[in-house]
Amino acid sequence: MKKILVTGLVILFFILPAFACAVNTESKTNEIKINQPSSDGNQTVLAIQINVGGRRIVAGIMNNGSNTANDIFIKMTVTGGFFNNINRSEAWGVVYIPVHSVAAMSVKHFFGLGKITIVVVARALNAPDVSKTVTAFIIGPFVHT
């Protein structure tokens, strides 16, 4: 019994982190763009980018338009895992995002095992709602797509 426990701990703390650290987060980029014309012909263009890798889940809300995005509400929800025991949700409010700028948000570290679903929703006063869903896999604190 002791040998099985030691083997499991070696795999958990030494072998699995080596696989998780090899993930390239630059290649894990997902984004959706939605355009909304304004009355003066300018546009507010929001995009969501989700980066998953290692111990982090980061969502970036980008304003790629020609107007400042105002009164932004952002919510990130992580659900799933073995027996659906992961149910983490974070919400943020941002006063504005200037043109060609990014507001980055991340969820606090947590532990789990299994397939997870990450949903990010952003709402701005002068732009339509934008959402993005990504599936990933978590082993302990390490997340990868």
Protein backbone atom coordinates (compact mmCIF):
# COMPACT_ATOMS: atom_id res chain seq x y z
CA MET A 1 0.00 0.00 0.00
CA LYS A 2 2.86 2.35 0.84
CA LYS A 3 4.53 1.65 -2.50
CA ILE A 4 1.34 2.56 -4.40
CA LEU A 5 0.97 5.79 -2.42
CA VAL A 6 4.60 6.80 -3.05
CA THR A 7 4.28 5.99 -6.76
CA GLY A 8 1.11 8.07 -7.01
CA LEU A 9 2.75 11.03 -5.29
CA VAL A 10 5.81 10.83 -7.57
CA ILE A 11 3.56 10.88 -10.63
CA LEU A 12 1.45 13.73 -9.28
CA PHE A 13 4.29 16.03 -8.22
CA PHE A 14 7.11 15.24 -10.65
CA ILE A 15 5.89 13.67 -13.88
CA LEU A 16 2.57 15.49 -14.54
CA PRO A 17 3.99 19.02 -13.98
CA ALA A 18 6.62 18.32 -16.64
CA PHE A 19 3.86 17.74 -19.20
CA ALA A 20 1.86 20.77 -18.11
CA CYS A 21 4.86 23.14 -18.27
CA ALA A 22 5.51 22.18 -21.90
CA VAL A 23 2.23 23.77 -23.04
CA ASN A 24 2.71 26.80 -25.29
CA THR A 25 0.11 29.35 -24.25
CA GLU A 26 0.71 31.48 -27.35
CA SER A 27 -0.86 28.77 -29.52
CA LYS A 28 -3.94 28.53 -27.27
CA THR A 29 -5.56 31.74 -28.46
CA ASN A 30 -9.31 31.91 -29.08
CA GLU A 31 -11.21 35.05 -29.90
CA ILE A 32 -14.55 36.26 -31.21
CA LYS A 33 -15.09 39.68 -32.74
CA ILE A 34 -18.42 41.49 -32.96
CA ASN A 35 -18.85 44.86 -34.64
CA GLN A 36 -21.47 47.44 -33.82
CA PRO A 37 -21.62 50.62 -35.90
CA SER A 38 -22.31 53.81 -33.98
CA SER A 39 -24.36 56.76 -35.15
CA ASP A 40 -21.28 58.67 -36.38
CA GLY A 41 -19.90 55.75 -38.42
CA ASN A 42 -17.31 54.69 -35.84
CA GLN A 43 -17.37 51.19 -34.39
CA THR A 44 -16.89 49.56 -31.03
CA VAL A 45 -15.24 46.19 -31.64
CA LEU A 46 -14.83 43.82 -28.69
CA ALA A 47 -12.89 40.57 -28.76
CA ILE A 48 -12.36 37.88 -26.11
CA GLN A 49 -9.08 36.01 -25.95
CA ILE A 50 -8.69 33.07 -23.56
CA ASN A 51 -5.20 31.78 -22.71
CA VAL A 52 -4.97 28.47 -20.88
CA GLY A 53 -1.75 26.83 -19.79
CA GLY A 54 0.21 25.78 -16.75
CA ARG A 55 -1.48 27.08 -13.62
CA ARG A 56 -3.39 29.91 -15.23
CA ILE A 57 -6.61 30.73 -17.01
CA VAL A 58 -6.52 34.30 -18.32
CA ALA A 59 -9.20 36.13 -20.32
CA GLY A 60 -8.39 39.28 -22.22
CA ILE A 61 -11.16 41.65 -23.33
CA MET A 62 -9.84 43.73 -26.21
CA ASN A 63 -11.25 46.89 -27.75
CA ASN A 64 -10.15 46.83 -31.38
CA GLY A 65 -12.63 49.49 -32.54
CA SER A 66 -12.46 53.23 -32.95
CA ASN A 67 -14.61 54.09 -29.87
CA THR A 68 -13.88 53.63 -26.18
CA ALA A 69 -15.88 50.73 -24.68
CA ASN A 70 -17.77 51.97 -21.59
CA ASP A 71 -19.08 50.26 -18.43
CA ILE A 72 -17.86 46.72 -19.12
CA PHE A 73 -19.03 43.75 -17.05
CA ILE A 74 -16.96 40.55 -17.39
CA LYS A 75 -17.80 37.13 -15.96
CA MET A 76 -15.67 33.97 -16.14
CA THR A 77 -17.15 30.62 -15.15
CA VAL A 78 -15.21 27.33 -14.88
CA THR A 79 -17.28 24.16 -14.49
CA GLY A 80 -16.79 20.42 -14.88
CA GLY A 81 -14.16 18.09 -13.53
CA PHE A 82 -14.49 14.60 -12.15
CA PHE A 83 -18.10 14.20 -10.88
CA ASN A 84 -18.68 17.88 -11.84
CA ASN A 85 -17.06 19.03 -8.60
CA ILE A 86 -15.55 22.21 -10.12
CA ASN A 87 -17.82 25.25 -10.09
CA ARG A 88 -15.78 28.45 -9.95
CA SER A 89 -17.05 31.87 -11.02
CA GLU A 90 -15.43 35.31 -11.00
CA ALA A 91 -16.92 38.67 -12.05
CA TRP A 92 -15.30 42.05 -12.69
CA GLY A 93 -16.41 45.52 -13.64
CA VAL A 94 -14.29 47.84 -15.75
CA VAL A 95 -15.19 51.52 -16.20
CA TYR A 96 -13.80 51.72 -19.74
CA ILE A 97 -11.37 50.13 -22.17
CA PRO A 98 -9.63 52.64 -24.46
CA VAL A 99 -9.24 52.00 -28.17
CA HIS A 100 -6.66 49.26 -28.96
CA SER A 101 -6.33 48.28 -25.28
CA VAL A 102 -6.87 45.09 -23.28
CA ALA A 103 -8.37 44.36 -19.86
CA ALA A 104 -6.99 41.04 -18.58
CA MET A 105 -8.71 38.94 -15.92
CA SER A 106 -7.76 35.61 -14.35
CA VAL A 107 -9.49 33.12 -12.12
CA LYS A 108 -7.93 32.21 -8.76
CA HIS A 109 -5.90 29.00 -8.59
CA PHE A 110 -7.81 25.83 -7.76
CA PHE A 111 -7.33 22.07 -7.87
CA GLY A 112 -9.28 19.50 -9.82
CA LEU A 113 -9.21 16.57 -12.19
CA GLY A 114 -10.99 16.07 -15.51
CA LYS A 115 -12.48 18.00 -18.40
CA ILE A 116 -13.55 21.58 -17.66
CA THR A 117 -15.53 24.18 -19.56
CA ILE A 118 -14.47 27.82 -19.42
CA VAL A 119 -17.07 30.44 -20.36
CA VAL A 120 -16.28 34.17 -20.56
CA VAL A 121 -19.01 36.76 -21.11
CA ALA A 122 -18.39 40.49 -21.61
CA ARG A 123 -21.07 43.19 -21.73
CA ALA A 124 -20.39 46.82 -22.57
CA LEU A 125 -22.76 49.77 -22.55
CA ASN A 126 -21.97 50.72 -26.15
CA ALA A 127 -21.26 47.27 -27.66
CA PRO A 128 -23.14 43.99 -28.02
CA ASP A 129 -22.59 41.09 -25.62
CA VAL A 130 -19.63 38.87 -26.47
CA SER A 131 -19.04 35.36 -25.15
CA LYS A 132 -16.47 32.64 -25.69
CA THR A 133 -16.42 29.00 -24.53
CA VAL A 134 -13.30 26.82 -24.33
CA THR A 135 -12.86 23.26 -23.07
CA ALA A 136 -9.70 22.22 -21.28
CA PHE A 137 -8.37 19.50 -18.98
CA ILE A 138 -7.20 20.00 -15.40
CA ILE A 139 -4.84 17.77 -13.43
CA GLY A 140 -4.29 19.12 -9.93
CA PRO A 141 -3.48 22.84 -10.38
CA PHE A 142 -2.34 22.42 -14.02
CA VAL A 143 -4.71 23.28 -16.87
CA HIS A 144 -4.22 22.66 -20.58
CA THR A 145 -6.31 22.52 -23.75
